[in-house]
Amino acid sequence: MNKNLIYLILIVCGLAIAYIMVGGLFKNELKKTTKNPYEYDLGDINKIDPEMIKYKETKRIGLSFAEPKVVDYSSGYLAIGFENQLQMIDTSGREIFNKAVSGPITSLKLSKDNLIYLGCKNHIEKYNTNGDLIETWQEIDPSTYITSIALKDDYVFVANASGAVVLQYSLTGEILHSFDGKNRTDSKHGFIIPSPYFDLDVDSGGELWAANTGVQAIENYNLDGSLRAFWGASSYDLKGFIGCCNPAHFSILENDSFVTCEKGLVRIKIYLPSGELESVVATPDDFSANSIPPDLTSDEMNNIYILDISRKMIRKFERKETS
């Protein structure tokens, strides 16, 4: 056989083999890249054991004003803060009053004697149940962002997320004290507040609790700002809090358990006073995709009222009856 012909046949066979190998490589590579191998699948996190869900939704109250922000409950009434509107309703949805305010409303607290402490970004305004303005407290400074208000006896505690501090007021609006949480046993950090989620509440014993969202913990403080106790953990497990700035909201129930809300993946959960997960109120499937983390409050029967901001409604959740 002619040598040139043999060389030609070998070259053609070599090119054919190379084409097959390279083509196969490309095909395999395409198969590999159809899914990001580093992507975290949240599917399993969304799945919650039905046995853990011990609450059911029993009522919805539609809201007529734009941009609902915050909610609180006391003595049969719900106070709702919108961007520039304050409204009070009873738990059936009947309106008591609504009032336009200068705002913007960033937090509120309804006292047991039905006074409304309204956080308007950098100052507090005080209203009665007729919607009348009683007092306007002095502005703190332009950069202040008030995210939560808690009441204890003769004191009003105010969380300033922009400064990562808690301010202690008298009932007449005088600033008595402030603390940044750095008076701790480890002395390494105080409040770490990466975003405007910084919640406060007071338990039945008058103890102040604060959400230190940057470290996914709920912490208990003395009046002088010293840390007494804390609980919480950053975890993808249901028992912990996922991601940054959680819990975004929390409220203390009548039995001193905690109801918490997470941002990002919206989950509403109940924790015992010791910090152990007790049950789930609502799952991510109960909310629209990319929902703003809902504010929440509770009544004397430990029913949970959730302000579903994305859907502009208040949703009531009650404990399921056990057989």
Protein backbone atom coordinates (compact mmCIF):
# COMPACT_ATOMS: atom_id res chain seq x y z
CA MET A 1 0.00 0.00 0.00
CA ASN A 2 1.25 3.48 -0.80
CA LYS A 3 2.90 5.07 2.22
CA ASN A 4 1.16 8.39 1.59
CA LEU A 5 -2.22 6.63 1.62
CA ILE A 6 -1.36 4.92 4.93
CA TYR A 7 -0.37 8.27 6.47
CA LEU A 8 -3.60 9.82 5.21
CA ILE A 9 -5.69 7.01 6.76
CA LEU A 10 -3.88 7.37 10.10
CA ILE A 11 -4.40 11.14 10.13
CA VAL A 12 -8.14 10.76 9.36
CA CYS A 13 -8.54 8.12 12.10
CA GLY A 14 -6.68 10.29 14.59
CA LEU A 15 -8.86 13.28 13.83
CA ALA A 16 -12.00 11.15 14.20
CA ILE A 17 -10.89 9.82 17.60
CA ALA A 18 -9.98 13.33 18.78
CA TYR A 19 -13.35 14.65 17.69
CA ILE A 20 -15.16 11.91 19.57
CA MET A 21 -13.08 12.45 22.73
CA VAL A 22 -13.29 16.24 22.71
CA GLY A 23 -16.97 16.18 21.82
CA GLY A 24 -17.63 13.78 24.66
CA LEU A 25 -15.64 15.99 27.02
CA PHE A 26 -17.69 19.01 26.08
CA LYS A 27 -20.92 17.06 26.47
CA ASN A 28 -19.88 15.86 29.92
CA GLU A 29 -18.84 19.36 30.89
CA LEU A 30 -22.22 20.70 29.84
CA LYS A 31 -23.93 18.09 31.97
CA LYS A 32 -21.81 19.06 34.94
CA THR A 33 -22.62 22.75 34.64
CA THR A 34 -26.40 22.42 34.39
CA LYS A 35 -26.48 22.81 38.19
CA ASN A 36 -24.17 24.83 40.40
CA PRO A 37 -22.41 22.29 42.65
CA TYR A 38 -21.93 24.99 45.29
CA GLU A 39 -25.55 26.13 45.36
CA TYR A 40 -27.21 25.60 48.77
CA ASP A 41 -30.55 23.86 48.42
CA LEU A 42 -33.07 25.46 50.80
CA GLY A 43 -35.66 22.83 50.00
CA ASP A 44 -34.94 20.75 53.06
CA ILE A 45 -34.93 23.84 55.29
CA ASN A 46 -38.39 24.79 54.05
CA LYS A 47 -39.68 21.37 55.05
CA ILE A 48 -40.83 21.37 58.65
CA ASP A 49 -42.12 18.32 60.51
CA PRO A 50 -45.92 18.75 60.76
CA GLU A 51 -45.71 17.53 64.36
CA MET A 52 -43.77 20.70 65.22
CA ILE A 53 -46.49 22.99 63.84
CA LYS A 54 -48.76 23.46 66.87
CA TYR A 55 -50.65 26.57 65.74
CA LYS A 56 -53.33 27.18 63.13
CA GLU A 57 -54.51 30.35 61.42
CA THR A 58 -58.00 31.34 62.60
CA LYS A 59 -58.58 34.90 61.41
CA ARG A 60 -57.48 37.51 58.88
CA ILE A 61 -58.05 41.24 59.14
CA GLY A 62 -57.46 43.24 55.95
CA LEU A 63 -55.81 46.63 56.31
CA SER A 64 -56.93 49.68 54.35
CA PHE A 65 -53.88 51.94 54.63
CA ALA A 66 -50.68 51.72 52.63
CA GLU A 67 -47.34 50.50 53.93
CA PRO A 68 -48.10 48.71 57.22
CA LYS A 69 -44.97 48.59 59.37
CA VAL A 70 -45.54 47.57 63.00
CA VAL A 71 -48.19 46.17 65.35
CA ASP A 72 -48.76 45.73 69.08
CA TYR A 73 -51.53 44.37 71.31
CA SER A 74 -52.91 45.26 74.73
CA SER A 75 -56.23 44.78 76.55
CA GLY A 76 -58.26 43.72 73.53
CA TYR A 77 -56.86 46.27 71.10
CA LEU A 78 -54.35 46.26 68.28
CA ALA A 79 -52.37 49.36 67.38
CA ILE A 80 -50.94 49.42 63.84
CA GLY A 81 -48.35 51.80 62.52
CA PHE A 82 -48.20 52.54 58.80
CA GLU A 83 -45.71 54.84 57.08
CA ASN A 84 -47.61 57.99 58.09
CA GLN A 85 -50.79 56.66 59.67
CA LEU A 86 -51.65 55.36 63.14
CA GLN A 87 -54.67 53.10 63.58
CA MET A 88 -56.26 51.31 66.51
CA ILE A 89 -58.72 48.42 66.07
CA ASP A 90 -60.20 45.75 68.28
CA THR A 91 -59.44 42.10 67.61
CA SER A 92 -62.54 41.72 65.45
CA GLY A 93 -61.20 44.38 63.11
CA ARG A 94 -63.52 47.21 64.21
CA GLU A 95 -61.75 50.54 63.98
CA ILE A 96 -61.38 52.66 67.12
CA PHE A 97 -59.57 55.51 65.38
CA ASN A 98 -57.11 56.35 62.65
CA LYS A 99 -54.89 59.39 62.52
CA ALA A 100 -52.38 60.83 60.07
CA VAL A 101 -49.02 61.53 61.70
CA SER A 102 -45.83 63.15 60.49
CA GLY A 103 -43.94 59.86 60.79
CA PRO A 104 -42.24 57.96 59.47
CA ILE A 105 -43.44 55.35 61.97
CA THR A 106 -40.67 52.86 62.73
CA SER A 107 -41.96 51.25 65.95
CA LEU A 108 -44.76 51.40 68.51
CA LYS A 109 -45.75 50.10 71.93
CA LEU A 110 -49.27 49.89 73.34
CA SER A 111 -49.28 50.11 77.14
CA LYS A 112 -51.67 48.26 79.43
CA ASP A 113 -53.47 51.53 80.09
CA ASN A 114 -53.77 51.91 76.29
CA LEU A 115 -51.32 54.73 75.78
CA ILE A 116 -49.49 54.46 72.49
CA TYR A 117 -45.76 55.14 72.38
CA LEU A 118 -44.90 55.81 68.76
CA GLY A 119 -41.34 55.64 67.46
CA CYS A 120 -41.01 58.17 64.63
CA LYS A 121 -37.49 57.37 63.44
CA ASN A 122 -35.55 59.70 65.80
CA HIS A 123 -38.09 60.63 68.49
CA ILE A 124 -41.07 59.35 70.49
CA GLU A 125 -44.66 60.59 70.29
CA LYS A 126 -47.29 59.61 72.85
CA TYR A 127 -51.02 59.20 72.01
CA ASN A 128 -54.17 58.23 73.89
CA THR A 129 -56.90 55.84 72.70
CA ASN A 130 -58.79 58.71 71.04
CA GLY A 131 -55.80 59.34 68.82
CA ASP A 132 -54.91 62.59 70.58
CA LEU A 133 -51.25 63.54 70.74
CA ILE A 134 -50.23 63.88 74.39
CA GLU A 135 -46.49 64.46 74.20
CA THR A 136 -43.67 64.72 71.71
CA TRP A 137 -40.28 63.84 73.15
CA GLN A 138 -37.10 65.55 72.08
CA GLU A 139 -35.36 64.24 68.98
CA ILE A 140 -32.25 62.22 69.73
CA ASP A 141 -30.16 63.04 66.64
CA PRO A 142 -30.82 62.92 62.87
CA SER A 143 -29.12 59.54 62.37
CA THR A 144 -31.22 57.75 65.02
CA TYR A 145 -33.45 54.91 63.86
CA ILE A 146 -35.83 53.70 66.57
CA THR A 147 -36.84 50.09 65.94
CA SER A 148 -38.46 49.00 69.21
CA ILE A 149 -40.00 50.28 72.46
CA ALA A 150 -40.47 48.32 75.69
CA LEU A 151 -42.11 49.33 78.99
CA LYS A 152 -41.10 48.40 82.53
CA ASP A 153 -42.75 50.07 85.54
CA ASP A 154 -41.65 53.71 85.36
CA TYR A 155 -39.23 53.24 82.48
CA VAL A 156 -39.42 53.27 78.71
CA PHE A 157 -36.69 51.43 76.80
CA VAL A 158 -35.94 52.45 73.23
CA ALA A 159 -33.77 50.54 70.74
CA ASN A 160 -31.73 52.72 68.39
CA ALA A 161 -30.56 50.44 65.57
CA SER A 162 -28.31 53.01 63.89
CA GLY A 163 -26.32 53.56 67.10
CA ALA A 164 -26.67 49.96 68.36
CA VAL A 165 -27.71 51.24 71.78
CA VAL A 166 -30.66 50.96 74.16
CA LEU A 167 -31.87 54.17 75.78
CA GLN A 168 -33.70 54.22 79.09
CA TYR A 169 -36.30 56.99 79.47
CA SER A 170 -38.53 58.16 82.28
CA LEU A 171 -42.26 58.16 81.54
CA THR A 172 -42.01 61.90 80.90
CA GLY A 173 -39.37 61.58 78.21
CA GLU A 174 -36.13 62.24 80.09
CA ILE A 175 -33.17 60.10 79.01
CA LEU A 176 -31.81 58.48 82.17
CA HIS A 177 -29.27 56.04 80.83
CA SER A 178 -28.08 54.27 77.69
CA PHE A 179 -26.01 51.16 77.06
CA ASP A 180 -24.43 49.41 74.08
CA GLY A 181 -24.24 45.89 75.50
CA LYS A 182 -20.46 45.99 75.85
CA ASN A 183 -20.60 45.57 79.62
CA ARG A 184 -20.33 41.83 79.11
CA THR A 185 -18.37 38.99 80.62
CA ASP A 186 -16.35 38.52 77.41
CA SER A 187 -15.85 42.27 76.73
CA LYS A 188 -15.45 41.50 73.02
CA HIS A 189 -18.62 42.89 71.57
CA GLY A 190 -21.83 44.59 72.46
CA PHE A 191 -24.87 44.95 70.23
CA ILE A 192 -24.06 44.07 66.63
CA ILE A 193 -26.92 45.45 64.52
CA PRO A 194 -26.15 45.19 60.78
CA SER A 195 -29.63 46.28 59.61
CA PRO A 196 -32.68 48.06 61.09
CA TYR A 197 -33.90 45.05 63.07
CA PHE A 198 -33.31 45.49 66.81
CA ASP A 199 -36.21 44.36 68.99
CA LEU A 200 -36.90 44.69 72.74
CA ASP A 201 -39.44 43.28 75.18
CA VAL A 202 -39.95 42.85 78.92
CA ASP A 203 -40.98 39.58 80.56
CA SER A 204 -43.45 39.04 83.43
CA GLY A 205 -40.70 39.60 85.99
CA GLY A 206 -39.80 42.98 84.52
CA GLU A 207 -36.59 41.69 82.91
CA LEU A 208 -35.46 43.43 79.72
CA TRP A 209 -34.61 41.29 76.67
CA ALA A 210 -32.98 42.48 73.45
CA ALA A 211 -32.34 40.79 70.10
CA ASN A 212 -28.63 41.00 69.30
CA THR A 213 -29.27 40.22 65.66
CA GLY A 214 -25.67 40.19 64.46
CA VAL A 215 -24.91 37.21 66.68
CA GLN A 216 -28.36 35.56 66.37
CA ALA A 217 -29.10 35.79 70.09
CA ILE A 218 -31.72 37.10 72.49
CA GLU A 219 -30.07 38.66 75.53
CA ASN A 220 -31.24 39.63 79.02
CA TYR A 221 -29.92 42.86 80.57
CA ASN A 222 -29.94 44.53 83.98
CA LEU A 223 -30.94 48.17 84.25
CA ASP A 224 -27.28 49.20 84.32
CA GLY A 225 -26.71 47.51 80.96
CA SER A 226 -24.88 44.46 82.27
CA LEU A 227 -25.63 41.13 80.62
CA ARG A 228 -27.54 38.61 82.77
CA ALA A 229 -28.21 35.76 80.35
CA PHE A 230 -28.64 34.94 76.68
CA TRP A 231 -29.68 32.18 74.32
CA GLY A 232 -29.67 31.56 70.57
CA ALA A 233 -27.49 30.16 67.81
CA SER A 234 -26.72 30.71 64.13
CA SER A 235 -27.83 27.52 62.42
CA TYR A 236 -29.68 26.15 59.40
CA ASP A 237 -31.33 23.77 61.83
CA LEU A 238 -34.89 24.64 62.86
CA LYS A 239 -33.66 25.17 66.43
CA GLY A 240 -31.44 28.10 65.42
CA PHE A 241 -31.68 31.32 63.42
CA ILE A 242 -30.62 31.41 59.75
CA GLY A 243 -28.39 34.09 58.30
CA CYS A 244 -27.83 37.69 59.28
CA CYS A 245 -29.93 39.95 61.46
CA ASN A 246 -32.11 37.38 63.21
CA PRO A 247 -34.42 37.14 64.96
CA ALA A 248 -35.78 40.17 63.13
CA HIS A 249 -38.70 40.43 65.57
CA PHE A 250 -39.70 38.78 68.83
CA SER A 251 -42.33 39.14 71.51
CA ILE A 252 -42.63 37.60 74.98
CA LEU A 253 -45.81 35.66 75.72
CA GLU A 254 -47.79 35.66 78.96
CA ASN A 255 -46.05 32.43 80.03
CA ASP A 256 -42.63 34.05 79.33
CA SER A 257 -42.03 31.96 76.23
CA PHE A 258 -40.74 33.81 73.17
CA VAL A 259 -42.34 34.05 69.74
CA THR A 260 -39.76 34.91 67.08
CA CYS A 261 -39.73 35.88 63.41
CA GLU A 262 -36.80 35.42 61.04
CA LYS A 263 -36.03 37.47 57.95
CA GLY A 264 -34.81 35.92 54.72
CA LEU A 265 -36.54 32.59 55.28
CA VAL A 266 -39.66 33.66 57.20
CA ARG A 267 -40.31 31.28 60.09
CA ILE A 268 -42.42 32.05 63.17
CA LYS A 269 -41.41 29.88 66.16
CA ILE A 270 -42.04 29.52 69.89
CA TYR A 271 -39.13 29.11 72.31
CA LEU A 272 -39.38 28.24 75.99
CA PRO A 273 -38.04 30.79 78.52
CA SER A 274 -34.85 28.73 78.62
CA GLY A 275 -34.35 29.18 74.87
CA GLU A 276 -35.34 25.66 73.79
CA LEU A 277 -37.43 25.41 70.63
CA GLU A 278 -40.98 24.41 71.60
CA SER A 279 -43.04 24.64 68.41
CA VAL A 280 -43.66 26.35 65.08
CA VAL A 281 -46.43 28.88 64.50
CA ALA A 282 -46.02 29.50 60.76
CA THR A 283 -43.70 28.15 58.06
CA PRO A 284 -42.14 29.77 54.97
CA ASP A 285 -44.97 28.26 52.92
CA ASP A 286 -47.43 30.45 54.84
CA PHE A 287 -45.92 33.61 53.33
CA SER A 288 -45.34 35.01 49.86
CA ALA A 289 -41.91 34.58 48.33
CA ASN A 290 -39.45 37.30 49.38
CA SER A 291 -41.83 38.52 52.09
CA ILE A 292 -40.75 41.36 54.36
CA PRO A 293 -40.32 39.83 57.83
CA PRO A 294 -43.68 40.38 59.57
CA ASP A 295 -43.94 42.13 62.91
CA LEU A 296 -45.83 40.22 65.58
CA THR A 297 -47.48 40.47 68.99
CA SER A 298 -49.59 38.29 71.29
CA ASP A 299 -52.58 38.47 73.62
CA GLU A 300 -53.41 37.18 77.13
CA MET A 301 -54.25 33.71 75.75
CA ASN A 302 -50.92 33.48 73.91
CA ASN A 303 -52.63 33.85 70.55
CA ILE A 304 -50.21 35.25 67.97
CA TYR A 305 -51.05 38.25 65.75
CA ILE A 306 -48.82 38.51 62.70
CA LEU A 307 -48.65 41.66 60.60
CA ASP A 308 -48.26 40.24 57.09
CA ILE A 309 -46.75 43.31 55.46
CA SER A 310 -46.64 41.90 51.94
CA ARG A 311 -50.34 40.96 52.00
CA LYS A 312 -51.48 44.01 54.03
CA MET A 313 -53.33 42.04 56.70
CA ILE A 314 -53.19 40.91 60.31
CA ARG A 315 -53.31 37.13 60.69
CA LYS A 316 -54.30 35.48 63.98
CA PHE A 317 -52.80 32.12 64.93
CA GLU A 318 -54.16 30.02 67.79
CA ARG A 319 -52.79 26.94 69.50
CA LYS A 320 -54.18 23.72 68.07
CA GLU A 321 -56.29 21.66 70.42
CA THR A 322 -54.56 18.53 71.61
CA SER A 323 -56.49 15.26 71.82
